[in-house]
């Protein structure tokens, strides 16, 4: 965003003063039977029926290591609050005449409403769980019943007639400041969800736990960025080798030298990214692939002139190639690309960082490698003289010369009147 945007100051204040990060949800998919007491014990946290190694208990332990696990401040779990709601004598009320639900705030004052709580010595499962769940999610918390679920858990449970289709745990990430914090939080969320899935699949094999947070979608690319980088750069370099090999007359050594020099340019460019604080993401990866293509212009012409040079040894051939092609590379490629300098004055960070800095690096490293590194490399490990290519080039030059002379002769012998009319 632009440097003078008010949002920059807003985000700086978030990093400095905010005490909690974005929420993260662990969604238990359809198929888990919450009405069974043993299934409740695997998930809940606060009640006596809950297991000591339940999912809720493990999540609470993970929040104590928020600097490593990137989860903190677990919100109350709907299942715990539902059990509390049904155990309380001040919350659940039923109309004795119609059998319909009575709000807890009117239950004591309405003579037609009777208490429907479940005593602690009675099991809370099967029909009881299914029947009263919609009432819990519809009841509004207040002074008489603070555990009613509409305010906090109205959207936590997807249910039809008391049967739970899906539900979620809700926690918070700590304050996330850098890209590393964001994608590390995503990695930990997936790891936690994987462990939760193993627990619930012990009783329900078809159920999964899926992590979700609003910020995860923007940083998922970072989890596979290095494999994607190697894959894209390898494909680009491989394509350049094949095309160069064909266009240079099936010269494998020259094609390998061009490809290796381009690889060196990209390696140096990635080093520049590290020192200039340019993160590796989708935008910078595209620029790296573009840099591979631009680097061909710096290398291929010089290598071709070297391969066709008629000088005696590699050193003189490298000098000949640099003499004949170096000025063209400097003036035709390097200087024409200097138009990117105007991006240095852009107010948007994306233009300054990902375009000006990276393209400046491509031009600088491409020029240095083509005019300094490549001639030295060719003088030492360049391909030998190819007499067939030189002969072919001489024949092509002679043919072009003959065609030029024939054209000149035809014009010289042409009818002046025809030339005048033309």
Protein backbone atom coordinates (compact mmCIF):
# COMPACT_ATOMS: atom_id res chain seq x y z
CA UNK A 1 0.00 0.00 0.00
CA UNK A 2 1.18 3.64 -0.40
CA UNK A 3 3.59 4.96 2.21
CA UNK A 4 1.21 7.79 3.15
CA UNK A 5 -1.77 5.46 3.70
CA UNK A 6 -3.47 5.71 7.07
CA UNK A 7 -3.66 1.90 7.15
CA UNK A 8 0.10 1.67 7.71
CA UNK A 9 -0.23 3.46 11.03
CA UNK A 10 -3.25 1.31 11.86
CA UNK A 11 -1.29 -1.92 11.33
CA UNK A 12 1.65 -0.56 13.32
CA UNK A 13 -0.66 0.13 16.25
CA UNK A 14 -2.11 -3.38 15.96
CA UNK A 15 1.38 -4.85 16.31
CA UNK A 16 2.25 -2.54 19.19
CA UNK A 17 -0.89 -2.49 21.32
CA UNK A 18 -3.09 -5.46 20.39
CA UNK A 19 -3.11 -8.21 23.03
CA UNK A 20 -4.68 -10.99 20.98
CA UNK A 21 -4.52 -12.11 17.37
CA UNK A 22 -7.15 -13.42 14.93
CA UNK A 23 -9.47 -16.25 16.01
CA UNK A 24 -8.83 -19.80 14.84
CA UNK A 25 -11.56 -22.43 14.60
CA UNK A 26 -11.20 -26.21 14.76
CA UNK A 27 -14.23 -27.63 13.00
CA UNK A 28 -15.40 -31.16 13.83
CA UNK A 29 -17.07 -32.45 10.67
CA UNK A 30 -20.36 -34.29 10.36
CA UNK A 31 -20.74 -37.74 11.87
CA UNK A 32 -19.67 -37.33 15.49
CA UNK A 33 -22.32 -38.55 17.94
CA UNK A 34 -22.31 -36.01 20.77
CA UNK A 35 -25.21 -37.67 22.57
CA UNK A 36 -22.99 -40.50 23.85
CA UNK A 37 -21.37 -39.83 27.21
CA UNK A 38 -18.05 -41.42 26.19
CA UNK A 39 -17.95 -39.23 23.07
CA UNK A 40 -18.62 -36.14 25.16
CA UNK A 41 -15.75 -37.09 27.46
CA UNK A 42 -13.31 -37.08 24.52
CA UNK A 43 -14.09 -33.47 23.63
CA UNK A 44 -15.28 -31.49 26.65
CA UNK A 45 -13.07 -29.82 29.24
CA UNK A 46 -14.74 -28.38 32.31
CA UNK A 47 -17.22 -30.99 33.47
CA UNK A 48 -16.70 -34.06 35.67
CA UNK A 49 -17.51 -36.42 32.80
CA UNK A 50 -14.61 -35.04 30.76
CA UNK A 51 -11.48 -37.11 30.32
CA UNK A 52 -8.16 -35.72 31.53
CA UNK A 53 -6.65 -36.23 28.08
CA UNK A 54 -9.67 -34.96 26.15
CA UNK A 55 -9.33 -32.68 23.16
CA UNK A 56 -10.43 -29.71 25.22
CA UNK A 57 -7.84 -30.44 27.92
CA UNK A 58 -5.05 -30.76 25.35
CA UNK A 59 -6.04 -27.50 23.71
CA UNK A 60 -5.93 -25.74 27.06
CA UNK A 61 -2.42 -27.11 27.66
CA UNK A 62 -1.30 -25.86 24.24
CA UNK A 63 -2.45 -22.34 25.08
CA UNK A 64 0.13 -22.28 27.89
CA UNK A 65 2.89 -22.48 25.24
CA UNK A 66 1.50 -19.83 22.91
CA UNK A 67 4.97 -18.59 21.95
CA UNK A 68 5.54 -21.96 20.24
CA UNK A 69 2.07 -23.29 19.41
CA UNK A 70 0.56 -19.97 18.24
CA UNK A 71 -2.74 -20.61 20.06
CA UNK A 72 -3.88 -18.75 23.14
CA UNK A 73 -6.98 -17.76 25.09
CA UNK A 74 -9.34 -20.61 24.46
CA UNK A 75 -12.97 -19.51 24.39
CA UNK A 76 -15.57 -21.46 26.33
CA UNK A 77 -16.54 -24.63 24.51
CA UNK A 78 -20.18 -25.01 23.56
CA UNK A 79 -20.39 -28.61 24.81
CA UNK A 80 -19.12 -27.65 28.28
CA UNK A 81 -21.52 -24.73 28.42
CA UNK A 82 -24.42 -26.89 27.25
CA UNK A 83 -23.77 -29.43 30.01
CA UNK A 84 -23.54 -26.59 32.55
CA UNK A 85 -26.79 -25.17 31.18
CA UNK A 86 -28.63 -28.45 31.64
CA UNK A 87 -27.19 -29.10 35.11
CA UNK A 88 -28.28 -25.67 36.37
CA UNK A 89 -31.69 -25.35 37.97
CA UNK A 90 -32.05 -21.73 36.78
CA UNK A 91 -31.69 -22.22 33.02
CA UNK A 92 -33.81 -24.88 31.37
CA UNK A 93 -37.59 -24.33 31.47
CA UNK A 94 -40.37 -26.14 29.64
CA UNK A 95 -44.01 -25.19 29.12
CA UNK A 96 -45.93 -27.93 30.91
CA UNK A 97 -49.01 -27.49 28.71
CA UNK A 98 -47.50 -27.27 25.24
CA UNK A 99 -44.08 -28.87 25.85
CA UNK A 100 -42.43 -25.90 24.19
CA UNK A 101 -39.33 -23.98 25.22
CA UNK A 102 -39.45 -21.17 27.79
CA UNK A 103 -36.73 -18.52 27.95
CA UNK A 104 -34.78 -18.69 31.18
CA UNK A 105 -35.41 -15.03 32.01
CA UNK A 106 -39.19 -15.67 32.05
CA UNK A 107 -39.15 -19.19 33.43
CA UNK A 108 -39.39 -18.30 37.13
CA UNK A 109 -42.21 -15.80 36.56
CA UNK A 110 -44.28 -17.90 34.20
CA UNK A 111 -46.53 -20.30 36.05
CA UNK A 112 -46.86 -22.53 33.01
CA UNK A 113 -43.09 -23.18 32.82
CA UNK A 114 -41.38 -25.90 34.83
CA UNK A 115 -37.69 -26.65 35.33
CA UNK A 116 -36.19 -29.28 33.06
CA UNK A 117 -32.62 -29.49 34.30
CA UNK A 118 -30.72 -32.78 34.51
CA UNK A 119 -29.39 -33.64 37.99
CA UNK A 120 -25.69 -34.37 38.24
CA UNK A 121 -26.31 -37.95 39.31
CA UNK A 122 -28.21 -38.68 36.09
CA UNK A 123 -26.60 -39.32 32.69
CA UNK A 124 -26.85 -36.61 30.07
CA UNK A 125 -27.08 -38.45 26.78
CA UNK A 126 -29.25 -39.81 23.98
CA UNK A 127 -32.75 -38.30 23.94
CA UNK A 128 -32.04 -35.64 26.57
CA UNK A 129 -29.05 -34.25 24.68
CA UNK A 130 -30.86 -34.17 21.34
CA UNK A 131 -34.09 -32.70 22.67
CA UNK A 132 -32.74 -29.73 24.59
CA UNK A 133 -29.83 -28.67 22.33
CA UNK A 134 -31.99 -26.34 20.17
CA UNK A 135 -33.30 -24.73 23.36
CA UNK A 136 -29.80 -24.09 24.65
CA UNK A 137 -28.76 -22.47 21.37
CA UNK A 138 -31.90 -20.31 21.32
CA UNK A 139 -31.82 -19.16 24.95
CA UNK A 140 -30.42 -15.69 25.67
CA UNK A 141 -27.95 -15.39 28.58
CA UNK A 142 -28.84 -13.05 31.42
CA UNK A 143 -28.66 -12.53 35.15
CA UNK A 144 -30.60 -15.71 35.89
CA UNK A 145 -28.69 -17.93 33.46
CA UNK A 146 -25.30 -16.85 32.16
CA UNK A 147 -24.62 -20.17 30.42
CA UNK A 148 -27.37 -19.84 27.79
CA UNK A 149 -25.79 -20.36 24.39
CA UNK A 150 -27.36 -17.99 21.89
CA UNK A 151 -24.94 -15.09 22.34
CA UNK A 152 -21.65 -16.98 22.29
CA UNK A 153 -22.46 -20.29 20.62
CA UNK A 154 -25.36 -19.55 18.32
CA UNK A 155 -23.09 -20.09 15.32
CA UNK A 156 -20.81 -22.71 16.91
CA UNK A 157 -23.11 -25.62 16.14
CA UNK A 158 -24.82 -26.66 12.93
CA UNK A 159 -27.74 -28.84 14.03
CA UNK A 160 -31.03 -30.15 12.71
CA UNK A 161 -33.62 -31.19 15.30
CA UNK A 162 -30.92 -31.62 17.92
CA UNK A 163 -28.61 -33.72 15.73
CA UNK A 164 -25.23 -32.02 15.37
CA UNK A 165 -23.95 -31.89 11.80
CA UNK A 166 -20.79 -29.92 12.55
CA UNK A 167 -19.38 -27.84 15.38
CA UNK A 168 -16.16 -26.05 16.25
CA UNK A 169 -13.72 -25.19 19.02
CA UNK A 170 -12.68 -21.55 19.08
CA UNK A 171 -9.30 -20.20 20.19
CA UNK A 172 -7.19 -17.17 19.37
CA UNK A 173 -3.80 -16.80 17.80
CA UNK A 174 -1.36 -14.52 19.62
CA UNK A 175 -0.47 -11.24 17.95
CA UNK A 176 1.00 -12.13 14.55
CA UNK A 177 3.47 -9.52 13.28
CA UNK A 178 5.55 -11.03 10.48
CA UNK A 179 4.94 -13.36 7.55
CA UNK A 180 6.79 -16.07 9.45
CA UNK A 181 4.37 -15.70 12.37
CA UNK A 182 1.40 -16.08 10.06
CA UNK A 183 2.52 -19.19 8.21
CA UNK A 184 3.92 -20.75 11.41
CA UNK A 185 0.50 -20.25 13.00
CA UNK A 186 -1.05 -22.02 10.00
CA UNK A 187 1.40 -24.93 10.31
CA UNK A 188 0.64 -25.34 14.01
CA UNK A 189 -3.11 -25.12 13.42
CA UNK A 190 -2.89 -27.97 10.93
CA UNK A 191 -0.71 -30.01 13.28
CA UNK A 192 -3.16 -29.53 16.14
CA UNK A 193 -6.10 -30.43 13.89
CA UNK A 194 -4.30 -33.58 12.77
CA UNK A 195 -3.81 -34.70 16.39
CA UNK A 196 -7.44 -33.89 17.19
CA UNK A 197 -8.54 -35.96 14.21
CA UNK A 198 -6.67 -38.99 15.56
CA UNK A 199 -8.50 -38.65 18.89
CA UNK A 200 -12.02 -38.40 17.44
CA UNK A 201 -11.41 -41.13 14.87
CA UNK A 202 -10.86 -43.62 17.68
CA UNK A 203 -14.64 -43.62 18.12
CA UNK A 204 -15.84 -42.12 14.81
CA UNK A 205 -13.49 -43.17 11.96
CA UNK A 206 -15.14 -40.94 9.34
CA UNK A 207 -14.88 -37.67 11.29
CA UNK A 208 -12.16 -35.07 10.71
CA UNK A 209 -11.07 -31.88 12.42
CA UNK A 210 -10.35 -28.97 10.07
CA UNK A 211 -8.58 -25.74 11.10
CA UNK A 212 -9.79 -22.40 9.78
CA UNK A 213 -8.88 -18.78 10.29
CA UNK A 214 -9.54 -15.74 8.17
CA UNK A 215 -5.80 -15.07 7.69
CA UNK A 216 -4.82 -18.63 6.75
CA UNK A 217 -5.88 -18.33 3.12
CA UNK A 218 -3.41 -15.48 2.52
CA UNK A 219 -0.39 -17.38 3.85
CA UNK A 220 -1.01 -20.92 2.65
CA UNK A 221 1.28 -20.24 -0.31
CA UNK A 222 4.26 -19.98 2.04
CA UNK A 223 3.95 -23.63 3.09
CA UNK A 224 4.92 -24.85 -0.39
CA UNK A 225 6.92 -21.83 -1.55
CA UNK A 226 10.35 -23.51 -1.65
CA UNK A 227 9.14 -26.62 -3.56
CA UNK A 228 7.23 -24.35 -5.95
CA UNK A 229 10.33 -22.20 -6.42
CA UNK A 230 12.59 -25.14 -7.24
CA UNK A 231 9.97 -26.62 -9.56
CA UNK A 232 9.35 -23.43 -11.55
CA UNK A 233 13.01 -22.47 -11.82
CA UNK A 234 13.98 -26.00 -12.85
CA UNK A 235 11.34 -26.05 -15.58
CA UNK A 236 12.43 -22.62 -16.81
CA UNK A 237 16.12 -23.55 -16.92
CA UNK A 238 15.34 -26.87 -18.57
CA UNK A 239 13.30 -25.17 -21.28
CA UNK A 240 16.12 -22.67 -21.89
CA UNK A 241 18.66 -25.47 -22.22
CA UNK A 242 16.53 -27.31 -24.80
CA UNK A 243 15.77 -24.22 -26.89
CA UNK A 244 19.35 -22.95 -26.71
CA UNK A 245 20.67 -26.39 -27.63
CA UNK A 246 18.52 -26.39 -30.78
CA UNK A 247 19.13 -22.78 -31.83
CA UNK A 248 22.90 -23.00 -31.30
CA UNK A 249 23.16 -25.88 -33.73
CA UNK A 250 22.87 -28.80 -31.29
CA UNK A 251 25.82 -27.49 -29.27
CA UNK A 252 25.34 -29.06 -25.83
CA UNK A 253 28.38 -27.35 -24.27
CA UNK A 254 27.26 -23.86 -25.30
CA UNK A 255 23.70 -24.56 -24.12
CA UNK A 256 25.01 -25.81 -20.77
CA UNK A 257 27.19 -22.69 -20.36
CA UNK A 258 24.23 -20.39 -21.06
CA UNK A 259 22.04 -22.31 -18.60
CA UNK A 260 24.75 -22.35 -15.91
CA UNK A 261 25.36 -18.61 -16.24
CA UNK A 262 21.64 -17.90 -15.91
CA UNK A 263 21.55 -20.12 -12.83
CA UNK A 264 24.39 -18.08 -11.32
CA UNK A 265 22.47 -14.86 -12.01
CA UNK A 266 19.37 -16.22 -10.24
CA UNK A 267 21.42 -17.47 -7.26
CA UNK A 268 22.97 -14.02 -6.87
CA UNK A 269 19.54 -12.44 -7.22
CA UNK A 270 18.19 -14.62 -4.41
CA UNK A 271 21.14 -13.56 -2.27
CA UNK A 272 20.23 -9.94 -2.98
CA UNK A 273 16.66 -10.71 -1.90
CA UNK A 274 17.96 -11.89 1.48
CA UNK A 275 20.11 -8.83 2.12
CA UNK A 276 17.44 -6.44 0.84
CA UNK A 277 14.64 -8.03 2.92
CA UNK A 278 12.59 -9.18 -0.07
CA UNK A 279 10.47 -12.13 1.03
CA UNK A 280 10.00 -15.17 -1.17
CA UNK A 281 6.33 -15.22 -2.13
CA UNK A 282 4.19 -15.56 -5.24
CA UNK A 283 5.16 -12.12 -6.59
CA UNK A 284 8.91 -12.54 -6.08
CA UNK A 285 8.74 -16.08 -7.53
CA UNK A 286 7.17 -14.70 -10.71
CA UNK A 287 9.97 -12.12 -10.87
CA UNK A 288 12.58 -14.87 -10.52
CA UNK A 289 11.06 -16.77 -13.44
CA UNK A 290 10.94 -13.53 -15.46
CA UNK A 291 14.58 -12.97 -14.50
CA UNK A 292 15.47 -16.34 -16.02
CA UNK A 293 13.97 -15.22 -19.33
CA UNK A 294 15.61 -11.79 -19.28
CA UNK A 295 19.00 -13.32 -18.47
CA UNK A 296 18.95 -15.22 -21.77
CA UNK A 297 19.43 -11.89 -23.55
CA UNK A 298 22.60 -11.22 -21.58
CA UNK A 299 24.23 -14.60 -22.25
CA UNK A 300 23.09 -16.27 -25.46
CA UNK A 301 24.44 -13.71 -27.98
CA UNK A 302 27.91 -13.69 -26.47
CA UNK A 303 28.11 -17.49 -26.42
CA UNK A 304 27.00 -17.73 -30.06
CA UNK A 305 29.64 -15.22 -31.22
CA UNK A 306 32.25 -17.17 -29.23
CA UNK A 307 31.20 -20.45 -30.85
CA UNK A 308 31.50 -18.96 -34.37
CA UNK A 309 34.72 -17.04 -33.75
CA UNK A 310 37.64 -17.91 -36.08
CA UNK A 311 40.36 -16.81 -33.64
CA UNK A 312 43.10 -19.24 -32.66
CA UNK A 313 42.49 -20.03 -28.98
CA UNK A 314 39.74 -19.67 -26.39
CA UNK A 315 41.16 -16.50 -24.86
CA UNK A 316 41.24 -14.68 -28.20
CA UNK A 317 37.82 -16.02 -29.10
CA UNK A 318 36.45 -14.67 -25.82
CA UNK A 319 38.08 -11.29 -26.57
CA UNK A 320 36.60 -11.35 -30.06
CA UNK A 321 33.13 -12.17 -28.71
CA UNK A 322 33.32 -9.43 -26.08
CA UNK A 323 34.61 -6.91 -28.64
CA UNK A 324 31.87 -7.61 -31.18
CA UNK A 325 28.94 -8.20 -28.83
CA UNK A 326 29.78 -6.46 -25.53
CA UNK A 327 28.75 -2.99 -26.67
CA UNK A 328 25.45 -4.34 -28.00
CA UNK A 329 24.70 -6.01 -24.67
CA UNK A 330 25.56 -2.85 -22.76
CA UNK A 331 23.64 -0.43 -24.96
CA UNK A 332 20.88 -2.64 -26.31
CA UNK A 333 19.90 -4.56 -23.20
CA UNK A 334 21.33 -2.98 -20.06
CA UNK A 335 20.65 0.68 -20.82
CA UNK A 336 17.21 0.08 -22.32
CA UNK A 337 16.13 -1.68 -19.12
CA UNK A 338 17.13 1.28 -16.97
CA UNK A 339 13.62 2.66 -17.39
CA UNK A 340 12.75 0.86 -14.18
CA UNK A 341 14.59 3.59 -12.24
CA UNK A 342 11.37 5.60 -12.10
CA UNK A 343 9.90 2.86 -9.88
CA UNK A 344 12.35 3.90 -7.15
CA UNK A 345 10.20 6.98 -6.58
CA UNK A 346 6.91 5.07 -6.36
CA UNK A 347 5.00 5.41 -3.10
CA UNK A 348 3.69 1.85 -3.23
CA UNK A 349 5.85 -0.73 -1.49
CA UNK A 350 5.03 -3.46 -4.00
CA UNK A 351 6.59 -1.40 -6.82
CA UNK A 352 9.61 -0.37 -4.78
CA UNK A 353 10.37 -3.80 -3.33
CA UNK A 354 9.18 -6.42 -5.78
CA UNK A 355 9.74 -4.56 -9.03
CA UNK A 356 12.36 -1.84 -8.70
CA UNK A 357 14.73 -3.75 -6.40
CA UNK A 358 14.37 -7.13 -8.08
CA UNK A 359 14.55 -5.83 -11.65
CA UNK A 360 17.52 -3.67 -10.73
CA UNK A 361 19.18 -6.83 -9.42
CA UNK A 362 18.37 -8.72 -12.63
CA UNK A 363 19.93 -5.98 -14.78
CA UNK A 364 22.98 -5.52 -12.55
CA UNK A 365 23.79 -9.21 -12.17
CA UNK A 366 22.96 -9.93 -15.80
CA UNK A 367 25.36 -7.23 -16.98
CA UNK A 368 28.16 -8.28 -14.63
CA UNK A 369 27.85 -11.95 -15.53
CA UNK A 370 27.66 -11.36 -19.28
CA UNK A 371 30.52 -8.83 -19.52
CA UNK A 372 32.85 -10.11 -16.78
CA UNK A 373 32.05 -13.64 -15.64
CA UNK A 374 31.00 -15.20 -18.95
CA UNK A 375 34.05 -14.14 -21.06
CA UNK A 376 36.40 -15.49 -18.38
CA UNK A 377 34.39 -18.70 -18.11
CA UNK A 378 34.42 -19.15 -21.90
CA UNK A 379 38.17 -18.54 -22.08
CA UNK A 380 38.69 -21.46 -19.68
CA UNK A 381 35.85 -23.93 -20.30
CA UNK A 382 34.33 -22.71 -23.54
CA UNK A 383 33.43 -25.11 -26.38
CA UNK A 384 36.09 -25.92 -28.98
CA UNK A 385 36.07 -24.41 -32.46
CA UNK A 386 33.43 -26.01 -34.65
CA UNK A 387 34.70 -26.07 -38.22
CA UNK A 388 31.31 -27.21 -39.50
CA UNK A 389 29.56 -24.21 -37.96
CA UNK A 390 32.20 -21.80 -39.23
CA UNK A 391 31.94 -23.28 -42.74
CA UNK A 392 28.18 -23.06 -42.59
CA UNK A 393 28.34 -19.45 -41.44
CA UNK A 394 30.83 -18.57 -44.21
CA UNK A 395 28.57 -20.16 -46.81
CA UNK A 396 25.59 -18.22 -45.49
CA UNK A 397 27.59 -14.96 -45.59
CA UNK A 398 28.71 -15.66 -49.16
CA UNK A 399 25.16 -16.46 -50.19
CA UNK A 400 23.91 -13.24 -48.64
CA UNK A 401 26.67 -11.31 -50.41
CA UNK A 402 25.81 -12.85 -53.77
CA UNK A 403 22.14 -12.07 -53.34
CA UNK A 404 23.04 -8.48 -52.52
CA UNK A 405 25.24 -8.16 -55.60
CA UNK A 406 22.56 -9.64 -57.86
CA UNK A 407 20.01 -7.22 -56.51
CA UNK A 408 22.39 -4.32 -57.13
CA UNK A 409 23.08 -5.48 -60.72
CA UNK A 410 19.36 -5.78 -61.49
CA UNK A 411 18.78 -2.27 -60.26
CA UNK A 412 21.79 -0.98 -62.24
CA UNK A 413 20.53 -2.57 -65.48
CA UNK A 414 16.94 -1.56 -65.04
CA UNK A 415 15.16 0.78 -67.50
CA UNK A 416 15.54 4.39 -66.25
CA UNK A 417 11.99 5.15 -67.32
CA UNK A 418 10.73 2.27 -65.21
CA UNK A 419 12.72 3.49 -62.22
CA UNK A 420 11.32 7.00 -62.75
CA UNK A 421 7.75 5.72 -62.90
CA UNK A 422 8.39 3.66 -59.78
